[in-house]
């Protein structure tokens, strides 16, 4: 067992409060050595918002609680303290035994984060400068890592997500969530499909995408380590690797460069990790691409909406049963959304999500 990790499981009988108790639950306790203060300042990008008075412990508590909640663990209690040796530790309590996964996964996540931070430090020393003054290092904090059903490979997090302390608090994530829900994912389960790996873990303005293309090589080891953590169940060697959705042209180019995997939108492939496992991958549009296209042509926006709905359906079905044939699941998703029976719903969604198309008619949608 990792020496930096201490895990204690306590079975504590809790009385229900009834005159004659008939139920017994068990409180699980996990204690995790988080590491040194300066390392944690780096890894948690503390302070997230310099205008707020929030301690480092409170920041870590926030993200660990957020992760548990997005894993469906609603009764989580987290306490983060600085110990006498100067290191920080976190104590997690819950009746849900899913928290036991954090004993191994949180330390691995932080170790992967150190690799990413080292890449960011090296990047900041490059001349001529690549790193911009308004960029900030930002790991995918607060996301599901115990019960996740799929992994989302994206470009970089938007700059406003860091001070808001919500990695999913972006317009792109919110739009994709709506497509998962349309396809049948319950509102309670949506965050299980949103374990994100950004190929550039840098909070940056949306307009800086092209500048970030020069940063990928500094984070390639980190990204592969995160794929091993989030898409492969290291606690269960026989588990089926989870599906991966790759969003947008920069991510597709990254797959081609680092994995020799050349995919077009709505094409599936297999990504082979250096550690051995092979992941099913679907190439998709970036969630924000729809707005760019729909502003120019509602008909083209309709077509992108249809593609995105197919991709979200593949993600849902593969996430619920990763052992299926990725191509068969894609074929079924295409059959569903290519059916004329779905035309009206695609029209409605296009009008709802693109203001320029709200009162427009076009070939596929002649009536409002």
Protein backbone atom coordinates (compact mmCIF):
# COMPACT_ATOMS: atom_id res chain seq x y z
CA UNK A 1 0.00 0.00 0.00
CA UNK A 2 1.17 3.56 -0.76
CA UNK A 3 2.92 4.92 2.32
CA UNK A 4 1.21 8.26 1.83
CA UNK A 5 -2.16 6.64 2.14
CA UNK A 6 -3.99 5.57 5.24
CA UNK A 7 -7.37 3.97 4.95
CA UNK A 8 -9.50 2.98 7.88
CA UNK A 9 -12.84 1.31 7.50
CA UNK A 10 -15.10 1.50 10.48
CA UNK A 11 -18.36 -0.40 10.74
CA UNK A 12 -20.35 1.71 13.16
CA UNK A 13 -23.90 0.80 14.03
CA UNK A 14 -26.17 3.82 13.81
CA UNK A 15 -29.53 3.79 15.53
CA UNK A 16 -32.38 4.95 13.37
CA UNK A 17 -33.97 7.01 16.15
CA UNK A 18 -37.02 4.79 16.32
CA UNK A 19 -38.28 3.35 19.60
CA UNK A 20 -37.36 -0.09 18.30
CA UNK A 21 -34.51 0.25 15.79
CA UNK A 22 -34.80 -2.15 12.88
CA UNK A 23 -32.22 -0.73 10.45
CA UNK A 24 -28.46 -0.75 10.72
CA UNK A 25 -26.07 1.21 8.50
CA UNK A 26 -22.30 1.35 8.39
CA UNK A 27 -20.25 4.53 8.34
CA UNK A 28 -17.18 4.21 6.16
CA UNK A 29 -14.13 6.30 6.94
CA UNK A 30 -11.28 7.01 4.53
CA UNK A 31 -8.21 9.05 5.50
CA UNK A 32 -5.98 10.29 2.67
CA UNK A 33 -2.56 11.90 2.97
CA UNK A 34 -2.79 14.76 0.47
CA UNK A 35 0.79 16.02 0.65
CA UNK A 36 2.66 19.24 1.30
CA UNK A 37 1.11 22.69 1.38
CA UNK A 38 2.96 24.21 -1.57
CA UNK A 39 2.19 21.21 -3.76
CA UNK A 40 -1.49 21.52 -2.91
CA UNK A 41 -1.46 25.26 -3.55
CA UNK A 42 -0.20 24.42 -7.04
CA UNK A 43 -2.53 21.49 -7.70
CA UNK A 44 -5.67 23.22 -6.48
CA UNK A 45 -4.79 26.56 -8.12
CA UNK A 46 -5.30 28.25 -4.79
CA UNK A 47 -6.69 30.82 -4.36
CA UNK A 48 -9.21 30.06 -7.12
CA UNK A 49 -10.63 33.56 -6.76
CA UNK A 50 -8.15 36.03 -5.19
CA UNK A 51 -11.03 38.32 -4.22
CA UNK A 52 -12.47 35.74 -1.82
CA UNK A 53 -11.18 34.78 1.60
CA UNK A 54 -11.14 30.99 1.32
CA UNK A 55 -8.50 28.80 2.94
CA UNK A 56 -6.61 26.08 1.11
CA UNK A 57 -8.36 23.50 3.29
CA UNK A 58 -11.77 24.91 2.36
CA UNK A 59 -10.86 24.78 -1.35
CA UNK A 60 -9.81 21.14 -1.15
CA UNK A 61 -12.93 20.32 0.90
CA UNK A 62 -15.07 21.99 -1.79
CA UNK A 63 -13.67 19.89 -4.63
CA UNK A 64 -13.65 16.57 -2.75
CA UNK A 65 -17.28 17.13 -1.76
CA UNK A 66 -18.12 18.10 -5.33
CA UNK A 67 -16.48 14.93 -6.67
CA UNK A 68 -18.44 12.74 -4.27
CA UNK A 69 -21.71 14.47 -5.11
CA UNK A 70 -21.09 13.99 -8.83
CA UNK A 71 -20.34 10.33 -8.14
CA UNK A 72 -23.79 10.05 -6.61
CA UNK A 73 -22.50 9.98 -3.02
CA UNK A 74 -24.84 12.46 -1.37
CA UNK A 75 -24.17 11.87 2.32
CA UNK A 76 -20.46 12.71 2.15
CA UNK A 77 -18.70 14.51 4.99
CA UNK A 78 -15.20 15.87 4.31
CA UNK A 79 -12.67 17.33 6.73
CA UNK A 80 -9.32 18.67 5.51
CA UNK A 81 -6.65 19.57 8.07
CA UNK A 82 -3.00 20.50 8.23
CA UNK A 83 -1.19 17.95 10.39
CA UNK A 84 1.66 18.52 12.83
CA UNK A 85 4.20 17.39 10.21
CA UNK A 86 3.03 20.16 7.87
CA UNK A 87 1.27 17.81 5.46
CA UNK A 88 -2.44 17.96 4.77
CA UNK A 89 -4.87 15.09 5.10
CA UNK A 90 -8.52 14.58 4.25
CA UNK A 91 -11.00 12.46 6.20
CA UNK A 92 -14.07 11.29 4.26
CA UNK A 93 -17.13 9.82 5.95
CA UNK A 94 -20.17 8.29 4.27
CA UNK A 95 -22.61 5.43 4.57
CA UNK A 96 -21.94 4.81 0.88
CA UNK A 97 -19.02 2.40 0.45
CA UNK A 98 -18.23 3.96 -2.96
CA UNK A 99 -16.00 6.40 -1.08
CA UNK A 100 -13.51 3.55 -0.63
CA UNK A 101 -12.43 4.09 -4.24
CA UNK A 102 -11.05 7.51 -3.32
CA UNK A 103 -8.43 5.89 -1.12
CA UNK A 104 -6.46 4.95 -4.23
CA UNK A 105 -7.84 7.33 -6.84
CA UNK A 106 -7.34 10.69 -5.12
CA UNK A 107 -3.59 10.13 -4.51
CA UNK A 108 -3.15 8.95 -8.13
CA UNK A 109 -5.07 11.99 -9.39
CA UNK A 110 -2.79 14.30 -7.38
CA UNK A 111 0.31 12.46 -8.60
CA UNK A 112 -0.87 12.89 -12.20
CA UNK A 113 -1.51 16.54 -11.39
CA UNK A 114 2.11 16.98 -10.31
CA UNK A 115 3.19 15.80 -13.74
CA UNK A 116 0.87 18.33 -15.35
CA UNK A 117 2.08 21.14 -13.10
CA UNK A 118 5.68 20.33 -13.96
CA UNK A 119 4.69 20.67 -17.62
CA UNK A 120 3.09 24.04 -16.91
CA UNK A 121 6.22 25.22 -15.10
CA UNK A 122 8.42 24.16 -18.02
CA UNK A 123 6.05 25.87 -20.44
CA UNK A 124 6.31 29.15 -18.54
CA UNK A 125 10.09 29.16 -19.05
CA UNK A 126 9.93 28.81 -22.83
CA UNK A 127 11.34 31.63 -24.98
CA UNK A 128 9.85 33.18 -26.97
CA UNK A 129 6.97 33.06 -24.48
CA UNK A 130 4.03 30.74 -25.07
CA UNK A 131 2.37 31.09 -21.66
CA UNK A 132 0.01 34.07 -21.51
CA UNK A 133 -0.37 36.34 -18.49
CA UNK A 134 -4.09 35.57 -18.18
CA UNK A 135 -3.67 31.76 -18.26
CA UNK A 136 -3.94 29.70 -15.08
CA UNK A 137 -3.15 26.06 -14.44
CA UNK A 138 -6.38 24.16 -13.73
CA UNK A 139 -6.82 20.44 -13.16
CA UNK A 140 -10.25 18.81 -13.70
CA UNK A 141 -11.21 19.12 -10.05
CA UNK A 142 -14.57 18.17 -8.61
CA UNK A 143 -15.54 15.56 -11.22
CA UNK A 144 -16.69 11.97 -10.78
CA UNK A 145 -13.87 9.45 -10.41
CA UNK A 146 -15.45 6.48 -8.63
CA UNK A 147 -18.65 5.73 -10.57
CA UNK A 148 -18.02 7.46 -13.89
CA UNK A 149 -19.50 5.85 -17.01
CA UNK A 150 -17.48 7.59 -19.72
CA UNK A 151 -14.59 9.99 -20.24
CA UNK A 152 -14.76 13.24 -22.18
CA UNK A 153 -11.60 14.37 -23.95
CA UNK A 154 -11.67 18.13 -24.47
CA UNK A 155 -9.33 20.99 -25.36
CA UNK A 156 -9.05 23.29 -22.31
CA UNK A 157 -11.30 24.63 -19.52
CA UNK A 158 -12.78 28.14 -19.89
CA UNK A 159 -11.17 30.80 -17.72
CA UNK A 160 -14.38 31.61 -15.83
CA UNK A 161 -14.75 28.04 -14.49
CA UNK A 162 -11.83 28.42 -12.07
CA UNK A 163 -13.02 31.40 -9.98
CA UNK A 164 -16.51 29.88 -10.06
CA UNK A 165 -15.03 26.61 -8.71
CA UNK A 166 -17.14 24.55 -11.07
CA UNK A 167 -15.40 22.61 -13.84
CA UNK A 168 -18.78 21.76 -15.38
CA UNK A 169 -20.06 25.32 -15.06
CA UNK A 170 -19.56 26.14 -18.72
CA UNK A 171 -21.91 26.69 -21.64
CA UNK A 172 -20.34 23.79 -23.53
CA UNK A 173 -20.86 21.33 -20.68
CA UNK A 174 -24.40 22.54 -20.10
CA UNK A 175 -25.26 22.07 -23.77
CA UNK A 176 -23.89 18.53 -23.86
CA UNK A 177 -25.74 17.68 -20.66
CA UNK A 178 -28.98 18.68 -22.38
CA UNK A 179 -28.24 16.29 -25.26
CA UNK A 180 -27.53 13.42 -22.87
CA UNK A 181 -30.82 14.13 -21.13
CA UNK A 182 -32.73 14.19 -24.43
CA UNK A 183 -31.27 10.76 -25.17
CA UNK A 184 -32.54 9.35 -21.89
CA UNK A 185 -29.85 9.94 -19.27
CA UNK A 186 -31.55 10.85 -16.00
CA UNK A 187 -30.70 14.18 -14.44
CA UNK A 188 -29.23 12.36 -11.42
CA UNK A 189 -26.79 10.40 -13.61
CA UNK A 190 -25.59 13.05 -16.05
CA UNK A 191 -22.43 13.96 -14.12
CA UNK A 192 -21.34 10.29 -14.25
CA UNK A 193 -20.77 10.82 -17.98
CA UNK A 194 -18.69 13.97 -17.46
CA UNK A 195 -15.27 12.88 -16.27
CA UNK A 196 -13.15 15.29 -18.30
CA UNK A 197 -9.55 15.21 -19.44
CA UNK A 198 -8.35 18.40 -21.11
CA UNK A 199 -5.30 18.02 -23.35
CA UNK A 200 -4.25 21.45 -22.08
CA UNK A 201 -5.10 21.82 -18.35
CA UNK A 202 -5.04 25.60 -18.57
CA UNK A 203 -7.93 27.92 -17.76
CA UNK A 204 -7.84 30.34 -20.67
CA UNK A 205 -10.14 32.68 -22.64
CA UNK A 206 -12.20 30.93 -25.32
CA UNK A 207 -10.36 32.86 -28.04
CA UNK A 208 -6.95 31.38 -27.10
CA UNK A 209 -7.48 27.96 -28.66
CA UNK A 210 -4.88 28.41 -31.42
CA UNK A 211 -2.22 29.59 -28.98
CA UNK A 212 -2.78 26.51 -26.85
CA UNK A 213 -1.79 24.18 -29.70
CA UNK A 214 1.83 24.80 -28.74
CA UNK A 215 1.32 23.45 -25.22
CA UNK A 216 0.21 19.86 -25.82
CA UNK A 217 3.62 18.18 -25.69
CA UNK A 218 4.08 19.47 -22.14
CA UNK A 219 1.03 17.53 -20.93
CA UNK A 220 1.03 14.36 -23.00
CA UNK A 221 2.30 12.14 -20.15
CA UNK A 222 -0.30 13.65 -17.82
CA UNK A 223 -3.15 13.02 -20.27
CA UNK A 224 -2.20 9.39 -20.73
CA UNK A 225 -1.94 8.91 -16.96
CA UNK A 226 -5.40 10.43 -16.55
CA UNK A 227 -6.80 8.08 -19.17
CA UNK A 228 -5.43 5.18 -17.13
CA UNK A 229 -7.03 6.58 -13.98
CA UNK A 230 -10.46 7.52 -15.32
CA UNK A 231 -11.09 5.12 -18.20
CA UNK A 232 -9.48 1.99 -16.74
CA UNK A 233 -10.56 0.60 -13.38
CA UNK A 234 -7.22 -0.01 -11.72
CA UNK A 235 -8.99 -1.50 -8.69
CA UNK A 236 -10.45 -4.23 -10.89
CA UNK A 237 -8.07 -5.49 -13.55
CA UNK A 238 -10.83 -7.40 -15.31
CA UNK A 239 -13.14 -4.40 -15.69
CA UNK A 240 -14.11 -3.25 -19.17
CA UNK A 241 -12.42 0.07 -20.10
CA UNK A 242 -14.85 2.96 -20.36
CA UNK A 243 -15.76 4.71 -23.62
CA UNK A 244 -14.02 7.93 -24.62
CA UNK A 245 -15.62 10.80 -26.56
CA UNK A 246 -13.14 13.12 -28.32
CA UNK A 247 -14.61 16.56 -28.95
CA UNK A 248 -13.45 19.00 -31.59
CA UNK A 249 -10.73 19.30 -34.23
CA UNK A 250 -7.85 20.11 -31.80
CA UNK A 251 -8.56 16.92 -29.84
CA UNK A 252 -8.86 14.84 -33.01
CA UNK A 253 -5.52 16.25 -34.19
CA UNK A 254 -4.05 15.39 -30.77
CA UNK A 255 -5.22 11.80 -31.10
CA UNK A 256 -3.59 11.59 -34.51
CA UNK A 257 -0.30 13.03 -33.24
CA UNK A 258 0.04 11.10 -29.99
CA UNK A 259 -1.87 7.87 -30.67
CA UNK A 260 -1.77 7.62 -34.48
CA UNK A 261 -5.57 7.55 -34.39
CA UNK A 262 -7.12 9.46 -37.29
CA UNK A 263 -10.88 9.87 -36.84
CA UNK A 264 -13.54 11.99 -38.50
CA UNK A 265 -16.71 13.16 -36.76
CA UNK A 266 -18.97 10.18 -35.95
CA UNK A 267 -16.24 7.66 -36.58
CA UNK A 268 -15.22 5.13 -33.92
CA UNK A 269 -11.79 3.70 -33.26
CA UNK A 270 -9.64 2.11 -30.60
CA UNK A 271 -7.12 3.97 -28.47
CA UNK A 272 -4.32 1.76 -27.15
CA UNK A 273 -2.72 2.95 -23.93
CA UNK A 274 0.93 2.25 -23.18
CA UNK A 275 -0.21 0.37 -20.08
CA UNK A 276 -2.04 -2.14 -22.28
CA UNK A 277 -5.80 -1.47 -22.24
CA UNK A 278 -7.65 -0.40 -25.37
CA UNK A 279 -10.44 2.19 -25.16
CA UNK A 280 -13.39 2.57 -27.54
CA UNK A 281 -13.34 6.13 -28.92
CA UNK A 282 -15.88 8.22 -30.78
CA UNK A 283 -14.93 11.47 -32.52
CA UNK A 284 -17.53 14.21 -32.04
CA UNK A 285 -17.98 17.90 -32.71
CA UNK A 286 -16.97 20.28 -29.96
CA UNK A 287 -20.20 21.17 -28.10
CA UNK A 288 -19.77 24.86 -29.02
CA UNK A 289 -19.31 24.15 -32.75
CA UNK A 290 -23.09 24.05 -33.12
CA UNK A 291 -23.43 27.74 -32.23
CA UNK A 292 -20.71 28.74 -34.68
CA UNK A 293 -22.38 26.85 -37.53
CA UNK A 294 -25.99 27.74 -36.69
CA UNK A 295 -25.20 31.46 -36.64
CA UNK A 296 -24.25 31.13 -40.31
CA UNK A 297 -26.84 28.62 -41.48
CA UNK A 298 -29.77 27.08 -39.61
CA UNK A 299 -29.75 24.14 -42.02
CA UNK A 300 -26.10 23.43 -41.22
CA UNK A 301 -26.86 23.93 -37.53
CA UNK A 302 -29.61 21.30 -37.82
CA UNK A 303 -27.10 18.85 -39.31
CA UNK A 304 -24.59 19.47 -36.52
CA UNK A 305 -27.35 19.09 -33.93
CA UNK A 306 -28.21 15.71 -35.44
CA UNK A 307 -24.54 14.65 -35.30
CA UNK A 308 -24.27 15.76 -31.68
CA UNK A 309 -27.40 13.87 -30.67
CA UNK A 310 -25.99 10.73 -32.28
CA UNK A 311 -22.71 11.17 -30.41
CA UNK A 312 -24.49 11.73 -27.09
CA UNK A 313 -26.60 8.61 -27.65
CA UNK A 314 -23.46 6.57 -28.35
CA UNK A 315 -21.91 7.93 -25.17
CA UNK A 316 -24.98 7.00 -23.13
CA UNK A 317 -25.33 3.48 -24.51
CA UNK A 318 -21.61 2.67 -24.38
CA UNK A 319 -21.34 4.14 -20.89
CA UNK A 320 -24.14 1.93 -19.65
CA UNK A 321 -22.60 -1.18 -21.25
CA UNK A 322 -18.95 -0.67 -22.32
CA UNK A 323 -18.61 -4.29 -23.48
CA UNK A 324 -20.77 -3.65 -26.55
CA UNK A 325 -19.43 -3.23 -30.06
CA UNK A 326 -18.67 0.47 -30.47
CA UNK A 327 -19.58 0.35 -34.16
CA UNK A 328 -22.87 -1.42 -33.57
CA UNK A 329 -23.85 1.11 -30.91
CA UNK A 330 -22.97 3.93 -33.32
CA UNK A 331 -25.01 2.32 -36.10
CA UNK A 332 -28.00 2.07 -33.78
CA UNK A 333 -27.62 5.69 -32.63
CA UNK A 334 -27.46 6.86 -36.24
CA UNK A 335 -30.54 4.82 -37.15
CA UNK A 336 -32.43 6.39 -34.27
CA UNK A 337 -31.58 10.03 -35.02
CA UNK A 338 -31.60 9.65 -38.82
CA UNK A 339 -35.17 8.42 -38.62
CA UNK A 340 -37.70 10.82 -40.02
CA UNK A 341 -39.61 10.40 -36.77
CA UNK A 342 -36.94 12.50 -35.01
CA UNK A 343 -36.85 15.40 -37.48
CA UNK A 344 -39.29 17.54 -35.54
CA UNK A 345 -37.37 17.11 -32.28
CA UNK A 346 -34.08 18.06 -33.96
CA UNK A 347 -35.82 21.14 -35.39
CA UNK A 348 -37.12 22.09 -31.96
CA UNK A 349 -33.70 21.66 -30.31
CA UNK A 350 -31.98 23.66 -33.04
CA UNK A 351 -34.40 26.54 -32.54
CA UNK A 352 -34.11 26.34 -28.76
CA UNK A 353 -30.32 26.38 -28.68
CA UNK A 354 -29.56 28.80 -31.53
CA UNK A 355 -31.21 32.20 -31.13
CA UNK A 356 -30.61 32.99 -34.81
CA UNK A 357 -32.82 30.04 -35.76
CA UNK A 358 -35.60 30.59 -33.22
CA UNK A 359 -38.06 31.98 -35.76
CA UNK A 360 -36.52 30.64 -38.95
CA UNK A 361 -37.67 27.91 -41.34
CA UNK A 362 -35.39 25.87 -43.62
CA UNK A 363 -35.38 22.70 -45.68
CA UNK A 364 -35.58 20.19 -42.86
CA UNK A 365 -37.84 22.43 -40.77
CA UNK A 366 -40.40 24.16 -43.00
CA UNK A 367 -42.86 24.73 -40.15
CA UNK A 368 -42.38 26.27 -36.72
